[in-house]
Amino acid sequence: MKSVKSRKELRQSSILAALEGNPALRVNQLAEDLSVSTETIRRDLAELDHLGRLSRTYGGAVSAANRFEPALNDRLLLKVAERRAIAGHVMELVAGEEALLLGGGATMLQFARALRGIDRRLTVITPTYPVALELAANPLIEIVLLPGTFEAQERMVCGPETIRAVERYRAPVVLIGASGLNGEGVSEAMLGAGEVYAAMLRSAERSFILADHGKFDKRALVLLTPWHGAMTLVTDQEPGGVLLAAIRKGGAALSIPGSAHRP
């Protein structure tokens, strides 16, 4: 005989589904969407947290499915050709720059490997150890490694000390990867990394987002920035639908290897 779910089980299933779609949902919004009190939502979140189905955050929660990206070592094995193409294309876009502020992640590491062969002097500021190590092979590249608390999964530093250090610099160009790209903007799955990347974006005059098509129409935990006119998305395929419309509406540029496309 098929069991019938209780109202609480149905409600908690709805909460998990909503958080998978948008990890940034808060208690008040969940309560309004499900037509229950905020106290009921808090009890449900506490129970789901105890069961390991989600992780509580200030004012809300993160579904276990959205809590983390795969570790950097695992991501380095995915979409290698696409990431190399993006990295090579970005080299053309930043030619002539004297200083760059670089984030971390698998695509950024491919860019660091491409940048390593540069034959002129360049200053690179980064919170990311693998990026620094890649670039250290070229004596023409001066590396400024930011301070902070080491985060082993992403092999980067983060925290208040890192953010304060970022705010002291005004590099003309920042380049970061992304966990998600959707109509809201650019987002990052890791909370600590997201806070650092958001500070990096605020500090620069121009920004490049390096992300393959697998990040399209996804929303990760930390929204870094909405789409705006001082940023360029460098990717391997043209997005469509809501994402492309949001990029165009925000005035951001779109650059794809082998194409001169702009919105």
Protein backbone atom coordinates (compact mmCIF):
# COMPACT_ATOMS: atom_id res chain seq x y z
CA MET A 1 0.00 0.00 0.00
CA LYS A 2 1.40 3.37 -1.00
CA SER A 3 2.00 5.69 1.96
CA VAL A 4 0.50 9.16 1.97
CA LYS A 5 2.83 11.98 2.92
CA SER A 6 1.84 14.21 5.79
CA ARG A 7 1.45 17.96 5.35
CA LYS A 8 4.78 18.47 7.10
CA GLU A 9 6.56 16.04 4.76
CA LEU A 10 5.04 17.72 1.72
CA ARG A 11 5.99 21.14 3.07
CA GLN A 12 9.56 20.07 3.79
CA SER A 13 9.85 18.56 0.31
CA SER A 14 8.67 21.90 -1.06
CA ILE A 15 11.28 23.73 1.03
CA LEU A 16 14.10 21.53 -0.32
CA ALA A 17 12.88 21.95 -3.90
CA ALA A 18 12.71 25.73 -3.48
CA LEU A 19 16.22 25.91 -2.03
CA GLU A 20 17.65 23.81 -4.86
CA GLY A 21 16.18 26.33 -7.30
CA ASN A 22 17.32 29.37 -5.32
CA PRO A 23 19.77 28.89 -2.43
CA ALA A 24 19.32 32.52 -1.40
CA LEU A 25 15.70 32.12 -0.24
CA ARG A 26 15.03 33.42 3.28
CA VAL A 27 12.65 32.34 6.03
CA ASN A 28 10.14 35.12 5.38
CA GLN A 29 9.95 34.33 1.68
CA LEU A 30 9.56 30.59 2.29
CA ALA A 31 6.81 31.26 4.82
CA GLU A 32 4.95 33.51 2.36
CA ASP A 33 5.33 31.07 -0.55
CA LEU A 34 4.08 28.11 1.53
CA SER A 35 1.38 30.08 3.41
CA VAL A 36 2.64 29.15 6.88
CA SER A 37 4.19 31.08 9.76
CA THR A 38 7.89 31.90 9.97
CA GLU A 39 8.00 29.82 13.19
CA THR A 40 6.80 26.77 11.24
CA ILE A 41 9.48 27.31 8.59
CA ARG A 42 12.18 27.66 11.26
CA ARG A 43 11.10 24.37 12.87
CA ASP A 44 11.17 22.66 9.48
CA LEU A 45 14.63 24.05 8.71
CA ALA A 46 15.94 22.95 12.10
CA GLU A 47 14.60 19.43 11.52
CA LEU A 48 15.99 19.21 7.99
CA ASP A 49 19.33 20.52 9.25
CA HIS A 50 19.39 17.79 11.92
CA LEU A 51 18.68 15.18 9.23
CA GLY A 52 21.52 16.50 7.07
CA ARG A 53 19.20 17.58 4.27
CA LEU A 54 20.32 21.21 4.43
CA SER A 55 22.59 23.60 6.29
CA ARG A 56 21.19 26.56 8.22
CA THR A 57 22.47 30.04 7.39
CA TYR A 58 21.68 33.42 8.85
CA GLY A 59 18.05 34.08 7.92
CA GLY A 60 17.66 30.97 5.79
CA ALA A 61 19.29 27.72 4.72
CA VAL A 62 21.23 26.01 1.92
CA SER A 63 20.12 22.72 0.43
CA ALA A 64 22.68 19.92 0.76
CA ALA A 65 22.60 19.66 -3.03
CA ASN A 66 23.73 23.28 -3.34
CA ARG A 67 26.05 23.51 -0.37
CA PHE A 68 29.27 22.78 -2.22
CA GLU A 69 30.70 22.53 -5.70
CA PRO A 70 32.90 19.52 -6.44
CA ALA A 71 36.42 19.95 -5.09
CA LEU A 72 38.86 21.84 -7.30
CA ASN A 73 40.78 18.64 -8.16
CA ASP A 74 37.57 17.11 -9.52
CA ARG A 75 36.57 20.21 -11.49
CA LEU A 76 39.99 20.35 -13.16
CA LEU A 77 39.05 17.19 -15.07
CA LEU A 78 35.79 18.60 -16.46
CA LYS A 79 35.27 20.61 -19.69
CA VAL A 80 39.03 20.97 -20.16
CA ALA A 81 38.82 21.88 -23.87
CA GLU A 82 36.15 24.51 -23.27
CA ARG A 83 38.14 26.07 -20.43
CA ARG A 84 41.33 26.15 -22.46
CA ALA A 85 39.52 27.89 -25.29
CA ILE A 86 38.10 30.48 -22.89
CA ALA A 87 41.55 31.03 -21.33
CA GLY A 88 43.23 31.54 -24.69
CA HIS A 89 40.55 33.99 -25.76
CA VAL A 90 40.87 36.01 -22.56
CA MET A 91 44.60 36.39 -23.23
CA GLU A 92 43.65 38.44 -26.30
CA LEU A 93 41.15 40.54 -24.34
CA VAL A 94 43.61 41.60 -21.62
CA ALA A 95 46.68 42.07 -23.82
CA GLY A 96 48.56 45.19 -22.77
CA GLU A 97 47.25 45.32 -19.19
CA GLU A 98 49.92 46.06 -16.55
CA ALA A 99 48.10 44.60 -13.54
CA LEU A 100 45.42 41.94 -13.07
CA LEU A 101 43.40 40.81 -10.06
CA LEU A 102 42.73 37.07 -10.47
CA GLY A 103 40.30 34.78 -8.67
CA GLY A 104 40.46 31.01 -8.45
CA GLY A 105 38.77 27.88 -9.76
CA ALA A 106 39.33 25.47 -12.61
CA THR A 107 38.84 27.95 -15.47
CA MET A 108 41.04 30.54 -13.80
CA LEU A 109 43.79 27.95 -13.40
CA GLN A 110 43.64 27.30 -17.15
CA PHE A 111 43.98 31.05 -17.68
CA ALA A 112 47.00 31.15 -15.34
CA ARG A 113 48.63 28.42 -17.40
CA ALA A 114 48.09 30.48 -20.55
CA LEU A 115 49.28 33.67 -18.86
CA ARG A 116 52.45 31.95 -17.66
CA GLY A 117 53.97 32.28 -21.14
CA ILE A 118 53.69 36.07 -21.29
CA ASP A 119 56.88 37.86 -22.43
CA ARG A 120 56.42 41.20 -20.68
CA ARG A 121 56.25 42.47 -17.13
CA LEU A 122 52.95 42.08 -15.34
CA THR A 123 51.68 42.36 -11.76
CA VAL A 124 49.13 39.79 -10.63
CA ILE A 125 47.23 40.04 -7.35
CA THR A 126 45.45 36.88 -6.23
CA PRO A 127 44.08 35.06 -3.17
CA THR A 128 44.59 31.70 -4.87
CA TYR A 129 47.65 29.48 -4.30
CA PRO A 130 47.47 27.35 -7.51
CA VAL A 131 47.28 30.51 -9.62
CA ALA A 132 50.30 31.97 -7.83
CA LEU A 133 52.29 28.75 -8.24
CA GLU A 134 51.52 28.54 -11.97
CA LEU A 135 52.62 32.13 -12.56
CA ALA A 136 55.73 31.83 -10.38
CA ALA A 137 57.44 29.96 -13.25
CA ASN A 138 57.70 33.27 -15.15
CA PRO A 139 60.14 35.77 -13.56
CA LEU A 140 58.52 38.63 -15.49
CA ILE A 141 55.33 38.24 -13.45
CA GLU A 142 55.28 39.91 -10.04
CA ILE A 143 52.85 38.04 -7.79
CA VAL A 144 51.07 39.64 -4.85
CA LEU A 145 49.54 36.84 -2.78
CA LEU A 146 46.78 38.15 -0.56
CA PRO A 147 46.65 37.31 3.18
CA GLY A 148 43.82 35.51 4.93
CA THR A 149 42.53 32.20 6.26
CA PHE A 150 43.37 29.26 4.00
CA GLU A 151 40.38 27.39 2.54
CA ALA A 152 41.61 23.92 1.59
CA GLN A 153 38.89 22.92 -0.89
CA GLU A 154 39.46 25.92 -3.17
CA ARG A 155 43.15 26.37 -2.18
CA MET A 156 42.66 30.06 -1.58
CA VAL A 157 42.56 32.50 1.30
CA CYS A 158 39.41 34.25 2.41
CA GLY A 159 37.91 36.08 5.35
CA PRO A 160 37.96 39.68 6.62
CA GLU A 161 41.74 40.06 6.27
CA THR A 162 41.57 39.07 2.60
CA ILE A 163 38.72 41.47 1.92
CA ARG A 164 40.56 44.34 3.60
CA ALA A 165 43.64 43.59 1.48
CA VAL A 166 41.56 43.55 -1.71
CA GLU A 167 40.10 46.93 -0.82
CA ARG A 168 43.60 48.45 -0.63
CA TYR A 169 44.23 47.68 -4.31
CA ARG A 170 42.69 49.27 -7.38
CA ALA A 171 43.69 46.92 -10.17
CA PRO A 172 42.10 48.09 -13.44
CA VAL A 173 40.94 44.58 -14.40
CA VAL A 174 39.59 41.66 -12.34
CA LEU A 175 39.02 38.16 -13.68
CA ILE A 176 37.02 35.53 -11.82
CA GLY A 177 35.22 32.29 -12.50
CA ALA A 178 31.64 31.55 -11.44
CA SER A 179 29.49 28.73 -10.10
CA GLY A 180 26.28 30.07 -11.60
CA LEU A 181 25.03 32.52 -14.22
CA ASN A 182 21.36 33.46 -14.42
CA GLY A 183 19.05 36.41 -14.82
CA GLU A 184 20.05 37.80 -11.44
CA GLY A 185 23.73 37.88 -12.30
CA VAL A 186 26.92 36.02 -11.37
CA SER A 187 27.00 33.74 -8.30
CA GLU A 188 29.44 31.58 -6.34
CA ALA A 189 28.78 28.37 -4.40
CA MET A 190 31.39 28.84 -1.68
CA LEU A 191 30.50 31.47 0.92
CA GLY A 192 34.06 32.55 1.79
CA ALA A 193 35.19 32.67 -1.83
CA GLY A 194 32.03 34.53 -2.78
CA GLU A 195 32.70 37.29 -0.27
CA VAL A 196 36.25 37.73 -1.58
CA TYR A 197 35.19 37.71 -5.24
CA ALA A 198 32.46 40.27 -4.56
CA ALA A 199 35.08 42.55 -2.98
CA MET A 200 37.36 42.02 -5.98
CA LEU A 201 34.61 43.01 -8.38
CA ARG A 202 33.91 46.17 -6.38
CA SER A 203 37.59 47.15 -6.50
CA ALA A 204 38.13 46.99 -10.27
CA GLU A 205 37.24 49.27 -13.16
CA ARG A 206 36.47 46.37 -15.52
CA SER A 207 35.66 42.73 -14.87
CA PHE A 208 35.78 39.53 -16.90
CA ILE A 209 33.72 36.51 -15.88
CA LEU A 210 35.22 33.26 -17.21
CA ALA A 211 32.61 30.49 -17.22
CA ASP A 212 31.65 27.61 -19.51
CA HIS A 213 28.09 26.88 -20.64
CA GLY A 214 27.59 24.40 -17.80
CA LYS A 215 27.07 27.38 -15.48
CA PHE A 216 24.19 28.84 -17.54
CA ASP A 217 20.81 29.29 -15.84
CA LYS A 218 22.12 28.32 -12.42
CA ARG A 219 21.99 30.29 -9.17
CA ALA A 220 24.61 29.48 -6.50
CA LEU A 221 24.69 30.58 -2.86
CA VAL A 222 26.36 34.01 -3.07
CA LEU A 223 25.22 36.55 -5.66
CA LEU A 224 28.40 38.41 -6.59
CA THR A 225 27.04 41.03 -8.96
CA PRO A 226 24.14 41.76 -11.29
CA TRP A 227 24.90 42.21 -14.98
CA HIS A 228 26.25 45.69 -15.78
CA GLY A 229 28.09 47.63 -18.43
CA ALA A 230 31.62 47.32 -17.00
CA MET A 231 31.72 43.53 -17.23
CA THR A 232 32.29 40.94 -19.94
CA LEU A 233 31.17 37.32 -19.84
CA VAL A 234 33.72 35.12 -21.63
CA THR A 235 32.21 31.72 -22.36
CA ASP A 236 32.26 28.90 -24.90
CA GLN A 237 28.67 29.08 -26.15
CA GLU A 238 26.08 31.80 -26.59
CA PRO A 239 23.50 31.71 -23.80
CA GLY A 240 19.82 32.03 -24.56
CA GLY A 241 16.49 32.86 -23.04
CA VAL A 242 16.35 34.72 -19.73
CA LEU A 243 20.13 34.73 -19.26
CA LEU A 244 20.89 36.37 -22.61
CA ALA A 245 18.10 38.89 -22.08
CA ALA A 246 19.50 39.82 -18.65
CA ILE A 247 23.03 40.24 -20.04
CA ARG A 248 21.71 42.54 -22.76
CA LYS A 249 19.50 44.50 -20.40
CA GLY A 250 22.39 45.05 -17.97
CA GLY A 251 24.66 46.25 -20.77
CA ALA A 252 27.30 43.59 -20.18
CA ALA A 253 29.46 42.36 -23.07
CA LEU A 254 29.53 38.78 -24.27
CA SER A 255 32.72 37.34 -25.79
CA ILE A 256 33.02 33.82 -27.24
CA PRO A 257 36.16 32.23 -28.76
CA GLY A 258 35.97 32.40 -32.54
CA SER A 259 33.19 34.98 -32.48
CA ALA A 260 33.04 38.77 -32.33
CA HIS A 261 29.57 38.61 -30.80
CA ARG A 262 28.44 41.37 -28.49
CA PRO A 263 24.92 41.95 -27.11
